[in-house]
Amino acid sequence: MEFSIVPWCTMDGKHIIIKPPSHSGAMYRDYRGFFSIVLLTLVDANLKFLFVDVGANGRVSDAGGWGKSKLRQAVTNGELNIPEAAALPGSAFKRAICHCD
């Protein structure tokens, strides 16, 4: 992956309802009882998609989708240009930019 994490972005996961694959049993059944896959996105303040991951089975939570994503792997392996924690403007407290565990 070749992009830098930028300030003022947000990540979210959504369950997308699907027709279950043949012989998948309850693997794609989500917490609401629907069959779904997880869509995980990272979007910047200008509504530009920086990352999209689709396909984790609906049985996983947002955290489970994050745990299986290529983005988490890249962050964990130090493959992205993530800045060190720094004080936010007008604050003396340092905040972590990214927390993966």
C-alpha atoms as a PDB file:
ATOM      1  CA  MET A   1       0.000   0.000   0.000  1.00  0.00           C
ATOM      2  CA  GLU A   2       1.280   3.412  -0.876  1.00  0.00           C
ATOM      3  CA  PHE A   3      -0.606   6.143   0.904  1.00  0.00           C
ATOM      4  CA  SER A   4      -0.088   8.116   4.066  1.00  0.00           C
ATOM      5  CA  ILE A   5      -2.577   8.329   6.884  1.00  0.00           C
ATOM      6  CA  VAL A   6      -3.675  11.945   7.076  1.00  0.00           C
ATOM      7  CA  PRO A   7      -5.233  13.883   9.941  1.00  0.00           C
ATOM      8  CA  TRP A   8      -8.972  14.379  10.009  1.00  0.00           C
ATOM      9  CA  CYS A   9     -10.062  11.074   8.602  1.00  0.00           C
ATOM     10  CA  THR A  10     -12.635   8.561   9.800  1.00  0.00           C
ATOM     11  CA  MET A  11     -13.013   4.808   9.537  1.00  0.00           C
ATOM     12  CA  ASP A  12     -16.275   2.894   9.686  1.00  0.00           C
ATOM     13  CA  GLY A  13     -17.630  -0.526   8.905  1.00  0.00           C
ATOM     14  CA  LYS A  14     -21.071  -1.340   7.508  1.00  0.00           C
ATOM     15  CA  HIS A  15     -22.818  -4.633   6.941  1.00  0.00           C
ATOM     16  CA  ILE A  16     -24.054  -4.966   3.341  1.00  0.00           C
ATOM     17  CA  ILE A  17     -26.952  -7.398   2.910  1.00  0.00           C
ATOM     18  CA  ILE A  18     -26.260 -10.202   0.411  1.00  0.00           C
ATOM     19  CA  LYS A  19     -27.753 -13.418  -0.847  1.00  0.00           C
ATOM     20  CA  PRO A  20     -25.779 -16.070   1.065  1.00  0.00           C
ATOM     21  CA  PRO A  21     -23.300 -18.179  -0.899  1.00  0.00           C
ATOM     22  CA  SER A  22     -24.291 -21.822  -1.352  1.00  0.00           C
ATOM     23  CA  HIS A  23     -23.391 -24.084   1.547  1.00  0.00           C
ATOM     24  CA  SER A  24     -22.162 -21.170   3.700  1.00  0.00           C
ATOM     25  CA  GLY A  25     -24.384 -22.040   6.662  1.00  0.00           C
ATOM     26  CA  ALA A  26     -24.487 -19.214   9.210  1.00  0.00           C
ATOM     27  CA  MET A  27     -21.057 -17.820   8.309  1.00  0.00           C
ATOM     28  CA  TYR A  28     -22.525 -14.720   6.654  1.00  0.00           C
ATOM     29  CA  ARG A  29     -25.405 -14.229   9.125  1.00  0.00           C
ATOM     30  CA  ASP A  30     -24.942 -10.973  11.045  1.00  0.00           C
ATOM     31  CA  TYR A  31     -26.152  -9.923  14.491  1.00  0.00           C
ATOM     32  CA  ARG A  32     -29.484  -8.732  13.036  1.00  0.00           C
ATOM     33  CA  GLY A  33     -30.193 -12.082  11.407  1.00  0.00           C
ATOM     34  CA  PHE A  34     -29.446 -10.955   7.831  1.00  0.00           C
ATOM     35  CA  PHE A  35     -26.785 -12.415   5.556  1.00  0.00           C
ATOM     36  CA  SER A  36     -24.119  -9.782   4.924  1.00  0.00           C
ATOM     37  CA  ILE A  37     -20.524  -8.899   4.143  1.00  0.00           C
ATOM     38  CA  VAL A  38     -18.570  -6.131   5.882  1.00  0.00           C
ATOM     39  CA  LEU A  39     -17.561  -2.942   4.059  1.00  0.00           C
ATOM     40  CA  LEU A  40     -14.723  -1.140   5.883  1.00  0.00           C
ATOM     41  CA  THR A  41     -13.780   2.362   4.701  1.00  0.00           C
ATOM     42  CA  LEU A  42     -11.315   5.092   5.599  1.00  0.00           C
ATOM     43  CA  VAL A  43     -12.436   8.546   4.398  1.00  0.00           C
ATOM     44  CA  ASP A  44     -10.712  11.930   4.687  1.00  0.00           C
ATOM     45  CA  ALA A  45     -12.265  15.304   5.545  1.00  0.00           C
ATOM     46  CA  ASN A  46     -12.887  15.976   1.831  1.00  0.00           C
ATOM     47  CA  LEU A  47     -14.954  12.748   1.541  1.00  0.00           C
ATOM     48  CA  LYS A  48     -12.180  11.086  -0.453  1.00  0.00           C
ATOM     49  CA  PHE A  49     -11.995   7.324   0.092  1.00  0.00           C
ATOM     50  CA  LEU A  50      -8.451   6.466   1.182  1.00  0.00           C
ATOM     51  CA  PHE A  51      -9.103   2.778   1.757  1.00  0.00           C
ATOM     52  CA  VAL A  52     -11.911   0.299   1.084  1.00  0.00           C
ATOM     53  CA  ASP A  53     -12.018  -3.319   2.214  1.00  0.00           C
ATOM     54  CA  VAL A  54     -15.001  -5.481   1.251  1.00  0.00           C
ATOM     55  CA  GLY A  55     -15.721  -9.096   1.917  1.00  0.00           C
ATOM     56  CA  ALA A  56     -15.265 -10.109   5.541  1.00  0.00           C
ATOM     57  CA  ASN A  57     -18.214 -12.343   6.369  1.00  0.00           C
ATOM     58  CA  GLY A  58     -21.137 -10.713   8.157  1.00  0.00           C
ATOM     59  CA  ARG A  59     -20.609 -12.789  11.249  1.00  0.00           C
ATOM     60  CA  VAL A  60     -17.689 -10.534  12.278  1.00  0.00           C
ATOM     61  CA  SER A  61     -18.109  -7.203  14.055  1.00  0.00           C
ATOM     62  CA  ASP A  62     -16.570  -3.927  12.887  1.00  0.00           C
ATOM     63  CA  ALA A  63     -13.581  -4.788  15.059  1.00  0.00           C
ATOM     64  CA  GLY A  64     -13.405  -8.228  13.466  1.00  0.00           C
ATOM     65  CA  GLY A  65     -13.515  -6.655   9.996  1.00  0.00           C
ATOM     66  CA  TRP A  66     -10.696  -4.305  11.034  1.00  0.00           C
ATOM     67  CA  GLY A  67      -8.696  -7.232  12.398  1.00  0.00           C
ATOM     68  CA  LYS A  68      -8.918  -9.062   9.060  1.00  0.00           C
ATOM     69  CA  SER A  69      -8.247  -6.021   6.855  1.00  0.00           C
ATOM     70  CA  LYS A  70      -5.137  -5.336   4.795  1.00  0.00           C
ATOM     71  CA  LEU A  71      -5.052  -1.833   6.280  1.00  0.00           C
ATOM     72  CA  ARG A  72      -4.586  -3.211   9.799  1.00  0.00           C
ATOM     73  CA  GLN A  73      -1.848  -5.514   8.541  1.00  0.00           C
ATOM     74  CA  ALA A  74      -0.058  -2.550   6.930  1.00  0.00           C
ATOM     75  CA  VAL A  75      -0.396  -0.406  10.083  1.00  0.00           C
ATOM     76  CA  THR A  76       0.770  -3.244  12.335  1.00  0.00           C
ATOM     77  CA  ASN A  77       3.755  -3.998  10.089  1.00  0.00           C
ATOM     78  CA  GLY A  78       4.812  -0.328   9.975  1.00  0.00           C
ATOM     79  CA  GLU A  79       4.287  -0.096   6.210  1.00  0.00           C
ATOM     80  CA  LEU A  80       2.463   3.266   6.318  1.00  0.00           C
ATOM     81  CA  ASN A  81       3.694   6.773   6.960  1.00  0.00           C
ATOM     82  CA  ILE A  82       1.819   7.343  10.236  1.00  0.00           C
ATOM     83  CA  PRO A  83       2.971  10.361  12.219  1.00  0.00           C
ATOM     84  CA  GLU A  84       4.017  10.006  15.861  1.00  0.00           C
ATOM     85  CA  ALA A  85       1.621  11.127  18.579  1.00  0.00           C
ATOM     86  CA  ALA A  86       1.645  14.906  18.978  1.00  0.00           C
ATOM     87  CA  ALA A  87      -0.222  17.544  20.932  1.00  0.00           C
ATOM     88  CA  LEU A  88      -3.376  18.689  19.200  1.00  0.00           C
ATOM     89  CA  PRO A  89      -3.563  22.430  18.400  1.00  0.00           C
ATOM     90  CA  GLY A  90      -4.485  24.315  21.582  1.00  0.00           C
ATOM     91  CA  SER A  91      -3.821  21.287  23.799  1.00  0.00           C
ATOM     92  CA  ALA A  92      -0.905  20.161  25.936  1.00  0.00           C
ATOM     93  CA  PHE A  93      -1.976  16.516  25.750  1.00  0.00           C
ATOM     94  CA  LYS A  94      -0.511  14.115  23.214  1.00  0.00           C
ATOM     95  CA  ARG A  95      -2.997  11.955  21.380  1.00  0.00           C
ATOM     96  CA  ALA A  96      -2.171   8.822  19.465  1.00  0.00           C
ATOM     97  CA  ILE A  97      -2.964   9.180  15.776  1.00  0.00           C
ATOM     98  CA  CYS A  98      -3.589   5.465  15.298  1.00  0.00           C
ATOM     99  CA  HIS A  99      -4.220   2.691  17.819  1.00  0.00           C
ATOM    100  CA  CYS A 100      -4.418  -0.803  16.393  1.00  0.00           C
ATOM    101  CA  ASP A 101      -4.782  -3.124  19.367  1.00  0.00           C
END
